[in-house]
Amino acid sequence: MPDSSLKPQRKSSWPRTLLRAALICGGSVAILLPAWLPNRPSAPIERATVELLQAFLLAAAAAIILGAASHAGHNRPVCRVMAFGLIAAFVGEIEDFVSGILGWKFPEAWFVGVILLIALITALRHRRVMIHFLSTLGNHAGSGLIGSALLILYVFNRVIGSAKFWRATLGDDFTQEIPKMCKSYLELLACYLIFIGVLGLSITLARRKEPS
């Protein structure tokens, strides 16, 4: 019986694993660089620098997964669905920049809705491949990082980004800017984890062989 599974091209190495972990952790700290900038109230860091970094990471992740699609074989629809999701997230991130800073009216909901509809149609057309991919998602590199990013966005960020949490913690020292900034930087960290996770996932999908 031919072996359709992929064999690792290189043996596992503890130093290499530790180096990768150190690089990911170092990037998680470095990505918060805007928080170390001097305090300039006139500079809308939360709506400019951080928002643009989030959009850049999502756009880069979408470009990487689209590049991997041409080498993904039967997993090509998976790459396309993920790319559509990342593009929709990118559109959602640039809405504040376009509408708030540039002053242009941007129909974000329509763009996101159309993109997600295309992603849903693609997933339904290739539902067998999608179901197989989801059932083996734990075997793919990067799935843990993407899962951590989703936990930050939809669980942890709900608490740390809540005004009630900071009002109860700081008391009279509370200001409205604190939860907004914390929420924004947590979203930036989540976008970084998504970028790293998509990078690892793209490598895994691009190496996947056609079923024999």
N, C-alpha and C. Protein backbone atom coordinates (compact mmCIF):
# COMPACT_ATOMS: atom_id res chain seq x y z
N MET A 1 0.86 -1.20 0.00
CA MET A 1 0.00 0.00 0.00
C MET A 1 0.89 1.24 0.00
N PRO A 2 0.72 2.15 -0.95
CA PRO A 2 1.56 3.35 -0.98
C PRO A 2 1.27 4.25 0.20
N ASP A 3 2.31 4.83 0.73
CA ASP A 3 2.16 5.73 1.87
C ASP A 3 1.89 7.13 1.37
N SER A 4 0.65 7.61 1.58
CA SER A 4 0.28 8.93 1.09
C SER A 4 0.60 10.04 2.08
N SER A 5 1.03 9.66 3.30
CA SER A 5 1.35 10.69 4.29
C SER A 5 2.72 11.26 4.01
N LEU A 6 2.91 12.45 4.49
CA LEU A 6 4.17 13.14 4.29
C LEU A 6 5.15 12.75 5.39
N LYS A 7 6.38 12.51 5.02
CA LYS A 7 7.41 12.27 5.99
C LYS A 7 8.14 13.58 6.27
N PRO A 8 8.53 13.80 7.52
CA PRO A 8 9.24 15.04 7.83
C PRO A 8 10.55 15.11 7.06
N GLN A 9 10.84 16.25 6.49
CA GLN A 9 12.04 16.40 5.71
C GLN A 9 13.29 16.50 6.59
N ARG A 10 13.10 16.96 7.83
CA ARG A 10 14.21 17.06 8.75
C ARG A 10 13.81 16.47 10.10
N LYS A 11 14.77 15.88 10.78
CA LYS A 11 14.49 15.33 12.09
C LYS A 11 14.19 16.45 13.08
N SER A 12 13.35 16.11 14.06
CA SER A 12 13.03 17.11 15.08
C SER A 12 14.26 17.44 15.89
N SER A 13 14.35 18.68 16.29
CA SER A 13 15.52 19.16 17.02
C SER A 13 15.05 20.07 18.14
N TRP A 14 15.50 19.79 19.38
CA TRP A 14 15.12 20.63 20.50
C TRP A 14 15.65 22.06 20.36
N PRO A 15 16.92 22.24 19.96
CA PRO A 15 17.38 23.63 19.78
C PRO A 15 16.57 24.40 18.75
N ARG A 16 16.20 23.74 17.64
CA ARG A 16 15.42 24.41 16.61
C ARG A 16 14.02 24.75 17.14
N THR A 17 13.43 23.83 17.90
CA THR A 17 12.11 24.09 18.48
C THR A 17 12.16 25.24 19.48
N LEU A 18 13.18 25.26 20.32
CA LEU A 18 13.32 26.34 21.29
C LEU A 18 13.57 27.68 20.60
N LEU A 19 14.33 27.65 19.51
CA LEU A 19 14.58 28.88 18.77
C LEU A 19 13.31 29.43 18.17
N ARG A 20 12.49 28.56 17.59
CA ARG A 20 11.22 29.01 17.02
C ARG A 20 10.32 29.59 18.10
N ALA A 21 10.25 28.91 19.25
CA ALA A 21 9.42 29.42 20.35
C ALA A 21 9.92 30.78 20.83
N ALA A 22 11.26 30.94 20.91
CA ALA A 22 11.83 32.21 21.35
C ALA A 22 11.53 33.32 20.35
N LEU A 23 11.58 33.00 19.05
CA LEU A 23 11.28 34.01 18.03
C LEU A 23 9.82 34.44 18.08
N ILE A 24 8.92 33.48 18.28
CA ILE A 24 7.50 33.82 18.37
C ILE A 24 7.23 34.68 19.59
N CYS A 25 7.82 34.31 20.74
CA CYS A 25 7.63 35.11 21.96
C CYS A 25 8.25 36.49 21.81
N GLY A 26 9.44 36.55 21.18
CA GLY A 26 10.07 37.85 20.96
C GLY A 26 9.26 38.73 20.05
N GLY A 27 8.66 38.13 19.03
CA GLY A 27 7.80 38.90 18.14
C GLY A 27 6.56 39.40 18.84
N SER A 28 6.02 38.59 19.78
CA SER A 28 4.84 39.01 20.53
C SER A 28 5.11 40.25 21.37
N VAL A 29 6.37 40.38 21.84
CA VAL A 29 6.75 41.58 22.59
C VAL A 29 7.04 42.74 21.65
N ALA A 30 7.77 42.46 20.57
CA ALA A 30 8.16 43.52 19.64
C ALA A 30 6.97 44.13 18.91
N ILE A 31 5.91 43.33 18.72
CA ILE A 31 4.76 43.83 17.98
C ILE A 31 4.03 44.91 18.75
N LEU A 32 4.29 44.99 20.07
CA LEU A 32 3.67 46.02 20.89
C LEU A 32 4.52 47.28 20.95
N LEU A 33 5.41 47.45 19.98
CA LEU A 33 6.31 48.61 19.94
C LEU A 33 5.58 49.95 20.05
N PRO A 34 4.41 50.13 19.39
CA PRO A 34 3.75 51.44 19.52
C PRO A 34 3.43 51.83 20.96
N ALA A 35 3.28 50.85 21.85
CA ALA A 35 2.98 51.17 23.25
C ALA A 35 4.17 51.81 23.94
N TRP A 36 5.37 51.66 23.36
CA TRP A 36 6.57 52.24 23.97
C TRP A 36 6.88 53.63 23.43
N LEU A 37 6.10 54.08 22.47
CA LEU A 37 6.37 55.39 21.90
C LEU A 37 6.08 56.49 22.92
N PRO A 38 6.71 57.64 22.80
CA PRO A 38 6.43 58.74 23.73
C PRO A 38 4.96 59.12 23.71
N ASN A 39 4.47 59.55 24.85
CA ASN A 39 3.06 59.92 24.98
C ASN A 39 2.83 61.25 24.28
N ARG A 40 2.14 61.18 23.14
CA ARG A 40 1.80 62.40 22.40
C ARG A 40 0.30 62.40 22.17
N PRO A 41 -0.45 63.13 22.98
CA PRO A 41 -1.91 63.10 22.86
C PRO A 41 -2.41 63.47 21.47
N SER A 42 -1.63 64.25 20.73
CA SER A 42 -2.09 64.68 19.41
C SER A 42 -1.97 63.59 18.37
N ALA A 43 -1.21 62.52 18.68
CA ALA A 43 -1.01 61.43 17.72
C ALA A 43 -2.01 60.32 17.99
N PRO A 44 -2.94 60.06 17.08
CA PRO A 44 -3.95 59.01 17.32
C PRO A 44 -3.37 57.63 17.12
N ILE A 45 -2.54 57.18 18.10
CA ILE A 45 -1.85 55.90 17.95
C ILE A 45 -2.84 54.76 17.79
N GLU A 46 -3.90 54.76 18.62
CA GLU A 46 -4.84 53.64 18.62
C GLU A 46 -5.56 53.53 17.28
N ARG A 47 -5.80 54.66 16.62
CA ARG A 47 -6.57 54.64 15.38
C ARG A 47 -5.67 54.70 14.16
N ALA A 48 -4.38 54.92 14.35
CA ALA A 48 -3.50 55.05 13.19
C ALA A 48 -2.46 53.94 13.17
N THR A 49 -1.44 54.05 14.03
CA THR A 49 -0.34 53.09 14.00
C THR A 49 -0.80 51.67 14.25
N VAL A 50 -1.55 51.47 15.34
CA VAL A 50 -1.97 50.12 15.69
C VAL A 50 -2.93 49.55 14.66
N GLU A 51 -3.88 50.35 14.21
CA GLU A 51 -4.84 49.87 13.21
C GLU A 51 -4.14 49.48 11.91
N LEU A 52 -3.16 50.27 11.50
CA LEU A 52 -2.44 49.96 10.27
C LEU A 52 -1.59 48.71 10.43
N LEU A 53 -1.00 48.52 11.60
CA LEU A 53 -0.22 47.30 11.84
C LEU A 53 -1.13 46.07 11.81
N GLN A 54 -2.30 46.18 12.39
CA GLN A 54 -3.25 45.07 12.34
C GLN A 54 -3.63 44.75 10.90
N ALA A 55 -3.95 45.78 10.13
CA ALA A 55 -4.33 45.58 8.73
C ALA A 55 -3.18 44.99 7.93
N PHE A 56 -1.95 45.45 8.19
CA PHE A 56 -0.79 44.93 7.47
C PHE A 56 -0.58 43.44 7.76
N LEU A 57 -0.70 43.03 9.02
CA LEU A 57 -0.52 41.62 9.37
C LEU A 57 -1.59 40.75 8.74
N LEU A 58 -2.83 41.22 8.72
CA LEU A 58 -3.90 40.44 8.11
C LEU A 58 -3.73 40.35 6.59
N ALA A 59 -3.32 41.46 5.97
CA ALA A 59 -3.09 41.45 4.53
C ALA A 59 -1.93 40.52 4.17
N ALA A 60 -0.87 40.55 4.97
CA ALA A 60 0.28 39.67 4.72
C ALA A 60 -0.12 38.21 4.89
N ALA A 61 -0.95 37.92 5.90
CA ALA A 61 -1.41 36.54 6.09
C ALA A 61 -2.26 36.08 4.91
N ALA A 62 -3.13 36.96 4.41
CA ALA A 62 -3.95 36.60 3.25
C ALA A 62 -3.08 36.35 2.02
N ALA A 63 -2.05 37.17 1.82
CA ALA A 63 -1.17 36.98 0.68
C ALA A 63 -0.41 35.65 0.78
N ILE A 64 0.01 35.29 2.00
CA ILE A 64 0.75 34.04 2.19
C ILE A 64 -0.12 32.83 1.90
N ILE A 65 -1.34 32.84 2.41
CA ILE A 65 -2.21 31.68 2.20
C ILE A 65 -2.65 31.58 0.75
N LEU A 66 -2.79 32.71 0.05
CA LEU A 66 -3.10 32.66 -1.38
C LEU A 66 -1.91 32.12 -2.16
N GLY A 67 -0.70 32.48 -1.75
CA GLY A 67 0.49 31.94 -2.40
C GLY A 67 0.62 30.45 -2.20
N ALA A 68 0.20 29.97 -1.03
CA ALA A 68 0.27 28.53 -0.76
C ALA A 68 -0.79 27.74 -1.51
N ALA A 69 -1.87 28.42 -1.96
CA ALA A 69 -2.97 27.72 -2.61
C ALA A 69 -2.52 27.00 -3.88
N SER A 70 -1.59 27.60 -4.61
CA SER A 70 -1.15 26.98 -5.87
C SER A 70 -0.36 25.70 -5.63
N HIS A 71 0.10 25.47 -4.41
CA HIS A 71 0.88 24.27 -4.10
C HIS A 71 0.12 23.33 -3.16
N ALA A 72 -1.13 23.66 -2.84
CA ALA A 72 -1.85 22.90 -1.82
C ALA A 72 -2.60 21.69 -2.35
N GLY A 73 -2.63 21.50 -3.67
CA GLY A 73 -3.29 20.33 -4.23
C GLY A 73 -4.78 20.31 -3.91
N HIS A 74 -5.24 19.19 -3.31
CA HIS A 74 -6.67 19.08 -3.01
C HIS A 74 -7.11 19.99 -1.88
N ASN A 75 -6.16 20.57 -1.16
CA ASN A 75 -6.49 21.52 -0.10
C ASN A 75 -6.58 22.96 -0.60
N ARG A 76 -6.56 23.16 -1.90
CA ARG A 76 -6.63 24.51 -2.45
C ARG A 76 -7.89 25.26 -2.01
N PRO A 77 -9.08 24.63 -1.97
CA PRO A 77 -10.26 25.36 -1.48
C PRO A 77 -10.12 25.82 -0.03
N VAL A 78 -9.40 25.05 0.79
CA VAL A 78 -9.18 25.45 2.18
C VAL A 78 -8.41 26.76 2.23
N CYS A 79 -7.38 26.86 1.41
CA CYS A 79 -6.59 28.08 1.36
C CYS A 79 -7.44 29.27 0.90
N ARG A 80 -8.30 29.03 -0.07
CA ARG A 80 -9.13 30.12 -0.57
C ARG A 80 -10.12 30.60 0.49
N VAL A 81 -10.74 29.66 1.20
CA VAL A 81 -11.69 30.04 2.25
C VAL A 81 -10.98 30.83 3.35
N MET A 82 -9.80 30.39 3.74
CA MET A 82 -9.04 31.11 4.76
C MET A 82 -8.64 32.50 4.26
N ALA A 83 -8.26 32.58 2.99
CA ALA A 83 -7.88 33.87 2.42
C ALA A 83 -9.05 34.83 2.41
N PHE A 84 -10.23 34.34 2.05
CA PHE A 84 -11.42 35.20 2.06
C PHE A 84 -11.70 35.71 3.48
N GLY A 85 -11.57 34.83 4.47
CA GLY A 85 -11.79 35.25 5.84
C GLY A 85 -10.80 36.32 6.29
N LEU A 86 -9.53 36.15 5.90
CA LEU A 86 -8.51 37.14 6.25
C LEU A 86 -8.74 38.47 5.53
N ILE A 87 -9.18 38.40 4.28
CA ILE A 87 -9.46 39.63 3.54
C ILE A 87 -10.64 40.37 4.18
N ALA A 88 -11.65 39.62 4.61
CA ALA A 88 -12.78 40.25 5.30
C ALA A 88 -12.33 40.93 6.59
N ALA A 89 -11.43 40.26 7.33
CA ALA A 89 -10.90 40.87 8.55
C ALA A 89 -10.07 42.11 8.23
N PHE A 90 -9.33 42.07 7.13
CA PHE A 90 -8.54 43.22 6.70
C PHE A 90 -9.44 44.41 6.38
N VAL A 91 -10.53 44.15 5.68
CA VAL A 91 -11.48 45.22 5.35
C VAL A 91 -12.06 45.82 6.62
N GLY A 92 -12.37 44.96 7.60
CA GLY A 92 -12.90 45.46 8.86
C GLY A 92 -11.91 46.33 9.62
N GLU A 93 -10.61 46.03 9.49
CA GLU A 93 -9.59 46.80 10.21
C GLU A 93 -9.35 48.17 9.57
N ILE A 94 -9.42 48.25 8.26
CA ILE A 94 -9.11 49.53 7.61
C ILE A 94 -10.31 50.48 7.62
N GLU A 95 -11.46 50.00 8.11
CA GLU A 95 -12.65 50.86 8.09
C GLU A 95 -12.46 52.10 8.97
N ASP A 96 -11.89 51.92 10.17
CA ASP A 96 -11.68 53.06 11.05
C ASP A 96 -10.71 54.06 10.44
N PHE A 97 -9.68 53.52 9.78
CA PHE A 97 -8.67 54.40 9.18
C PHE A 97 -9.27 55.19 8.02
N VAL A 98 -10.03 54.50 7.16
CA VAL A 98 -10.59 55.16 5.98
C VAL A 98 -11.68 56.16 6.38
N SER A 99 -12.59 55.72 7.26
CA SER A 99 -13.71 56.59 7.63
C SER A 99 -13.32 57.65 8.65
N GLY A 100 -12.52 57.26 9.66
CA GLY A 100 -12.22 58.18 10.74
C GLY A 100 -11.10 59.16 10.43
N ILE A 101 -10.03 58.68 9.78
CA ILE A 101 -8.86 59.53 9.55
C ILE A 101 -8.91 60.19 8.17
N LEU A 102 -9.20 59.40 7.13
CA LEU A 102 -9.27 59.97 5.78
C LEU A 102 -10.59 60.69 5.52
N GLY A 103 -11.61 60.35 6.30
CA GLY A 103 -12.89 61.02 6.14
C GLY A 103 -13.70 60.54 4.96
N TRP A 104 -13.39 59.35 4.44
CA TRP A 104 -14.16 58.79 3.33
C TRP A 104 -15.24 57.86 3.86
N LYS A 105 -16.39 57.91 3.24
CA LYS A 105 -17.46 57.00 3.62
C LYS A 105 -17.17 55.62 3.05
N PHE A 106 -17.05 54.64 3.94
CA PHE A 106 -16.62 53.30 3.53
C PHE A 106 -17.69 52.28 3.91
N PRO A 107 -18.35 51.63 2.94
CA PRO A 107 -19.40 50.65 3.24
C PRO A 107 -18.80 49.32 3.69
N GLU A 108 -18.27 49.31 4.90
CA GLU A 108 -17.56 48.13 5.41
C GLU A 108 -18.45 46.88 5.44
N ALA A 109 -19.69 47.04 5.94
CA ALA A 109 -20.56 45.88 6.11
C ALA A 109 -20.85 45.18 4.78
N TRP A 110 -21.04 45.97 3.73
CA TRP A 110 -21.33 45.38 2.42
C TRP A 110 -20.14 44.58 1.90
N PHE A 111 -18.95 45.16 2.00
CA PHE A 111 -17.75 44.47 1.52
C PHE A 111 -17.52 43.18 2.30
N VAL A 112 -17.60 43.27 3.63
CA VAL A 112 -17.37 42.09 4.46
C VAL A 112 -18.43 41.03 4.19
N GLY A 113 -19.69 41.45 4.03
CA GLY A 113 -20.76 40.50 3.76
C GLY A 113 -20.56 39.76 2.44
N VAL A 114 -20.17 40.47 1.40
CA VAL A 114 -19.95 39.84 0.10
C VAL A 114 -18.78 38.86 0.16
N ILE A 115 -17.70 39.27 0.82
CA ILE A 115 -16.51 38.41 0.91
C ILE A 115 -16.83 37.13 1.69
N LEU A 116 -17.53 37.27 2.81
CA LEU A 116 -17.89 36.10 3.61
C LEU A 116 -18.87 35.21 2.88
N LEU A 117 -19.75 35.81 2.05
CA LEU A 117 -20.69 35.00 1.26
C LEU A 117 -19.92 34.16 0.24
N ILE A 118 -18.92 34.75 -0.39
CA ILE A 118 -18.09 34.00 -1.34
C ILE A 118 -17.35 32.88 -0.63
N ALA A 119 -16.84 33.17 0.58
CA ALA A 119 -16.15 32.13 1.35
C ALA A 119 -17.09 30.99 1.70
N LEU A 120 -18.33 31.33 2.09
CA LEU A 120 -19.32 30.29 2.43
C LEU A 120 -19.67 29.43 1.23
N ILE A 121 -19.86 30.07 0.08
CA ILE A 121 -20.17 29.31 -1.14
C ILE A 121 -19.02 28.38 -1.50
N THR A 122 -17.79 28.87 -1.40
CA THR A 122 -16.62 28.04 -1.68
C THR A 122 -16.54 26.86 -0.73
N ALA A 123 -16.81 27.10 0.55
CA ALA A 123 -16.77 26.02 1.53
C ALA A 123 -17.84 24.98 1.27
N LEU A 124 -19.05 25.41 0.88
CA LEU A 124 -20.13 24.47 0.61
C LEU A 124 -19.86 23.66 -0.66
N ARG A 125 -19.25 24.29 -1.65
CA ARG A 125 -18.93 23.57 -2.90
C ARG A 125 -17.88 22.50 -2.66
N HIS A 126 -17.02 22.71 -1.70
CA HIS A 126 -15.94 21.76 -1.41
C HIS A 126 -16.06 21.29 0.05
N ARG A 127 -17.28 20.94 0.44
CA ARG A 127 -17.53 20.63 1.85
C ARG A 127 -16.78 19.38 2.32
N ARG A 128 -16.56 18.41 1.45
CA ARG A 128 -15.83 17.22 1.88
C ARG A 128 -14.39 17.57 2.26
N VAL A 129 -13.77 18.38 1.44
CA VAL A 129 -12.40 18.80 1.75
C VAL A 129 -12.36 19.64 3.02
N MET A 130 -13.34 20.52 3.18
CA MET A 130 -13.38 21.37 4.36
C MET A 130 -13.62 20.56 5.63
N ILE A 131 -14.52 19.59 5.56
CA ILE A 131 -14.80 18.76 6.74
C ILE A 131 -13.58 17.94 7.12
N HIS A 132 -12.90 17.40 6.11
CA HIS A 132 -11.68 16.63 6.38
C HIS A 132 -10.60 17.52 6.99
N PHE A 133 -10.47 18.73 6.48
CA PHE A 133 -9.48 19.66 7.02
C PHE A 133 -9.80 20.02 8.47
N LEU A 134 -11.07 20.32 8.77
CA LEU A 134 -11.45 20.68 10.12
C LEU A 134 -11.28 19.51 11.08
N SER A 135 -11.53 18.29 10.60
CA SER A 135 -11.38 17.13 11.48
C SER A 135 -9.93 16.84 11.80
N THR A 136 -9.01 17.29 10.96
CA THR A 136 -7.58 17.06 11.20
C THR A 136 -6.85 18.36 11.51
N LEU A 137 -7.60 19.38 11.93
CA LEU A 137 -7.00 20.69 12.15
C LEU A 137 -5.93 20.66 13.22
N GLY A 138 -6.11 19.81 14.22
CA GLY A 138 -5.12 19.72 15.30
C GLY A 138 -3.77 19.20 14.85
N ASN A 139 -3.71 18.55 13.68
CA ASN A 139 -2.45 18.03 13.17
C ASN A 139 -1.66 19.05 12.36
N HIS A 140 -2.24 20.20 12.11
CA HIS A 140 -1.59 21.20 11.27
C HIS A 140 -0.82 22.21 12.13
N ALA A 141 0.33 22.57 11.65
CA ALA A 141 1.12 23.58 12.35
C ALA A 141 0.40 24.93 12.30
N GLY A 142 0.42 25.63 13.38
CA GLY A 142 -0.18 26.97 13.42
C GLY A 142 -1.61 27.01 13.91
N SER A 143 -2.28 25.86 13.99
CA SER A 143 -3.68 25.89 14.42
C SER A 143 -3.80 26.34 15.87
N GLY A 144 -2.82 26.00 16.70
CA GLY A 144 -2.85 26.43 18.10
C GLY A 144 -2.70 27.94 18.24
N LEU A 145 -1.84 28.53 17.41
CA LEU A 145 -1.66 29.98 17.46
C LEU A 145 -2.92 30.71 16.99
N ILE A 146 -3.54 30.20 15.94
CA ILE A 146 -4.77 30.82 15.47
C ILE A 146 -5.88 30.66 16.52
N GLY A 147 -5.94 29.49 17.16
CA GLY A 147 -6.91 29.30 18.22
C GLY A 147 -6.67 30.26 19.39
N SER A 148 -5.40 30.49 19.73
CA SER A 148 -5.08 31.44 20.80
C SER A 148 -5.51 32.85 20.42
N ALA A 149 -5.31 33.22 19.16
CA ALA A 149 -5.73 34.54 18.69
C ALA A 149 -7.24 34.71 18.79
N LEU A 150 -7.98 33.67 18.44
CA LEU A 150 -9.45 33.76 18.53
C LEU A 150 -9.90 33.86 19.98
N LEU A 151 -9.20 33.17 20.90
CA LEU A 151 -9.53 33.29 22.32
C LEU A 151 -9.27 34.71 22.82
N ILE A 152 -8.18 35.32 22.35
CA ILE A 152 -7.88 36.70 22.74
C ILE A 152 -8.98 37.63 22.24
N LEU A 153 -9.40 37.44 20.98
CA LEU A 153 -10.36 38.35 20.38
C LEU A 153 -11.75 38.21 20.97
N TYR A 154 -12.19 36.98 21.20
CA TYR A 154 -13.60 36.77 21.54
C TYR A 154 -13.84 36.38 23.00
N VAL A 155 -12.77 36.16 23.78
CA VAL A 155 -12.94 35.82 25.19
C VAL A 155 -12.17 36.79 26.07
N PHE A 156 -10.85 36.75 25.98
CA PHE A 156 -10.01 37.56 26.86
C PHE A 156 -10.22 39.05 26.63
N ASN A 157 -10.37 39.44 25.38
CA ASN A 157 -10.53 40.85 25.05
C ASN A 157 -11.86 41.42 25.56
N ARG A 158 -12.84 40.55 25.74
CA ARG A 158 -14.13 41.00 26.26
C ARG A 158 -14.00 41.50 27.70
N VAL A 159 -13.03 40.92 28.43
CA VAL A 159 -12.84 41.33 29.83
C VAL A 159 -11.86 42.49 29.92
N ILE A 160 -10.66 42.33 29.33
CA ILE A 160 -9.63 43.36 29.42
C ILE A 160 -10.05 44.62 28.68
N GLY A 161 -10.84 44.48 27.64
CA GLY A 161 -11.30 45.64 26.89
C GLY A 161 -12.58 46.24 27.42
N SER A 162 -13.03 45.77 28.57
CA SER A 162 -14.29 46.26 29.14
C SER A 162 -14.03 47.46 30.05
N ALA A 163 -14.85 48.48 29.91
CA ALA A 163 -14.72 49.66 30.78
C ALA A 163 -15.07 49.31 32.22
N LYS A 164 -16.00 48.38 32.44
CA LYS A 164 -16.39 48.00 33.80
C LYS A 164 -15.20 47.38 34.54
N PHE A 165 -14.42 46.56 33.83
CA PHE A 165 -13.27 45.91 34.46
C PHE A 165 -12.26 46.95 34.95
N TRP A 166 -11.93 47.92 34.10
CA TRP A 166 -10.93 48.92 34.47
C TRP A 166 -11.49 49.93 35.47
N ARG A 167 -12.79 50.19 35.41
CA ARG A 167 -13.39 51.11 36.39
C ARG A 167 -13.34 50.49 37.79
N ALA A 168 -13.62 49.17 37.86
CA ALA A 168 -13.55 48.48 39.15
C ALA A 168 -12.11 48.34 39.64
N THR A 169 -11.16 48.24 38.71
CA THR A 169 -9.76 48.06 39.09
C THR A 169 -9.10 49.36 39.51
N LEU A 170 -9.34 50.43 38.76
CA LEU A 170 -8.62 51.69 38.98
C LEU A 170 -9.40 52.69 39.82
N GLY A 171 -10.69 52.53 39.90
CA GLY A 171 -11.48 53.46 40.70
C GLY A 171 -11.49 54.86 40.12
N ASP A 172 -11.07 55.84 40.93
CA ASP A 172 -11.10 57.24 40.50
C ASP A 172 -10.07 57.56 39.42
N ASP A 173 -9.05 56.70 39.26
CA ASP A 173 -8.02 56.93 38.25
C ASP A 173 -8.43 56.45 36.86
N PHE A 174 -9.63 55.93 36.73
CA PHE A 174 -10.09 55.38 35.46
C PHE A 174 -10.35 56.49 34.44
N THR A 175 -9.92 56.23 33.20
CA THR A 175 -10.25 57.09 32.06
C THR A 175 -10.74 56.22 30.91
N GLN A 176 -11.53 56.79 30.03
CA GLN A 176 -12.13 56.03 28.93
C GLN A 176 -11.10 55.52 27.94
N GLU A 177 -9.91 56.15 27.89
CA GLU A 177 -8.91 55.74 26.93
C GLU A 177 -8.24 54.41 27.29
N ILE A 178 -8.24 54.05 28.56
CA ILE A 178 -7.52 52.84 29.00
C ILE A 178 -8.12 51.58 28.38
N PRO A 179 -9.41 51.31 28.50
CA PRO A 179 -9.93 50.09 27.88
C PRO A 179 -9.82 50.09 26.36
N LYS A 180 -9.93 51.27 25.75
CA LYS A 180 -9.80 51.33 24.29
C LYS A 180 -8.39 50.94 23.85
N MET A 181 -7.38 51.45 24.54
CA MET A 181 -6.00 51.15 24.18
C MET A 181 -5.67 49.69 24.44
N CYS A 182 -6.11 49.16 25.59
CA CYS A 182 -5.85 47.76 25.90
C CYS A 182 -6.50 46.84 24.88
N LYS A 183 -7.73 47.15 24.50
CA LYS A 183 -8.42 46.34 23.51
C LYS A 183 -7.71 46.39 22.17
N SER A 184 -7.23 47.57 21.80
CA SER A 184 -6.56 47.73 20.52
C SER A 184 -5.26 46.94 20.46
N TYR A 185 -4.46 47.00 21.55
CA TYR A 185 -3.19 46.28 21.55
C TYR A 185 -3.39 44.78 21.65
N LEU A 186 -4.42 44.34 22.33
CA LEU A 186 -4.72 42.91 22.36
C LEU A 186 -5.12 42.42 20.97
N GLU A 187 -5.88 43.23 20.24
CA GLU A 187 -6.22 42.87 18.86
C GLU A 187 -4.98 42.80 17.98
N LEU A 188 -4.02 43.71 18.23
CA LEU A 188 -2.77 43.68 17.48
C LEU A 188 -2.00 42.40 17.76
N LEU A 189 -1.94 41.99 19.03
CA LEU A 189 -1.27 40.73 19.38
C LEU A 189 -1.97 39.55 18.72
N ALA A 190 -3.31 39.57 18.70
CA ALA A 190 -4.06 38.49 18.06
C ALA A 190 -3.77 38.43 16.56
N CYS A 191 -3.67 39.59 15.91
CA CYS A 191 -3.35 39.62 14.49
C CYS A 191 -1.96 39.05 14.22
N TYR A 192 -1.02 39.33 15.12
CA TYR A 192 0.33 38.77 14.97
C TYR A 192 0.29 37.25 15.10
N LEU A 193 -0.45 36.73 16.09
CA LEU A 193 -0.55 35.28 16.25
C LEU A 193 -1.22 34.64 15.04
N ILE A 194 -2.23 35.33 14.48
CA ILE A 194 -2.87 34.81 13.26
C ILE A 194 -1.86 34.76 12.12
N PHE A 195 -1.04 35.81 12.00
CA PHE A 195 -0.05 35.85 10.93
C PHE A 195 0.94 34.68 11.06
N ILE A 196 1.46 34.45 12.27
CA ILE A 196 2.40 33.35 12.48
C ILE A 196 1.71 32.01 12.26
N GLY A 197 0.47 31.88 12.75
CA GLY A 197 -0.26 30.64 12.57
C GLY A 197 -0.55 30.34 11.11
N VAL A 198 -0.93 31.35 10.36
CA VAL A 198 -1.20 31.16 8.92
C VAL A 198 0.09 30.81 8.18
N LEU A 199 1.19 31.39 8.60
CA LEU A 199 2.48 31.07 7.98
C LEU A 199 2.80 29.59 8.15
N GLY A 200 2.66 29.08 9.38
CA GLY A 200 2.91 27.66 9.61
C GLY A 200 1.90 26.78 8.91
N LEU A 201 0.65 27.19 8.91
CA LEU A 201 -0.39 26.42 8.26
C LEU A 201 -0.20 26.38 6.75
N SER A 202 0.26 27.48 6.17
CA SER A 202 0.50 27.52 4.73
C SER A 202 1.61 26.56 4.33
N ILE A 203 2.66 26.49 5.15
CA ILE A 203 3.75 25.55 4.87
C ILE A 203 3.24 24.12 4.91
N THR A 204 2.39 23.82 5.89
CA THR A 204 1.84 22.47 6.00
C THR A 204 0.95 22.13 4.82
N LEU A 205 0.07 23.05 4.44
CA LEU A 205 -0.84 22.78 3.33
C LEU A 205 -0.11 22.70 2.01
N ALA A 206 0.92 23.52 1.83
CA ALA A 206 1.67 23.50 0.58
C ALA A 206 2.44 22.21 0.39
N ARG A 207 2.74 21.51 1.47
CA ARG A 207 3.49 20.25 1.38
C ARG A 207 2.56 19.05 1.28
N ARG A 208 1.26 19.27 1.34
CA ARG A 208 0.31 18.15 1.34
C ARG A 208 0.23 17.50 -0.03
N LYS A 209 0.33 16.19 -0.07
CA LYS A 209 0.29 15.46 -1.33
C LYS A 209 -1.13 15.16 -1.74
N GLU A 210 -1.30 14.94 -3.04
CA GLU A 210 -2.59 14.51 -3.54
C GLU A 210 -2.87 13.09 -3.04
N PRO A 211 -4.14 12.80 -2.63
CA PRO A 211 -4.46 11.44 -2.18
C PRO A 211 -4.32 10.45 -3.32
N SER A 212 -3.69 9.31 -3.04
CA SER A 212 -3.48 8.32 -4.09
C SER A 212 -4.67 7.37 -4.17
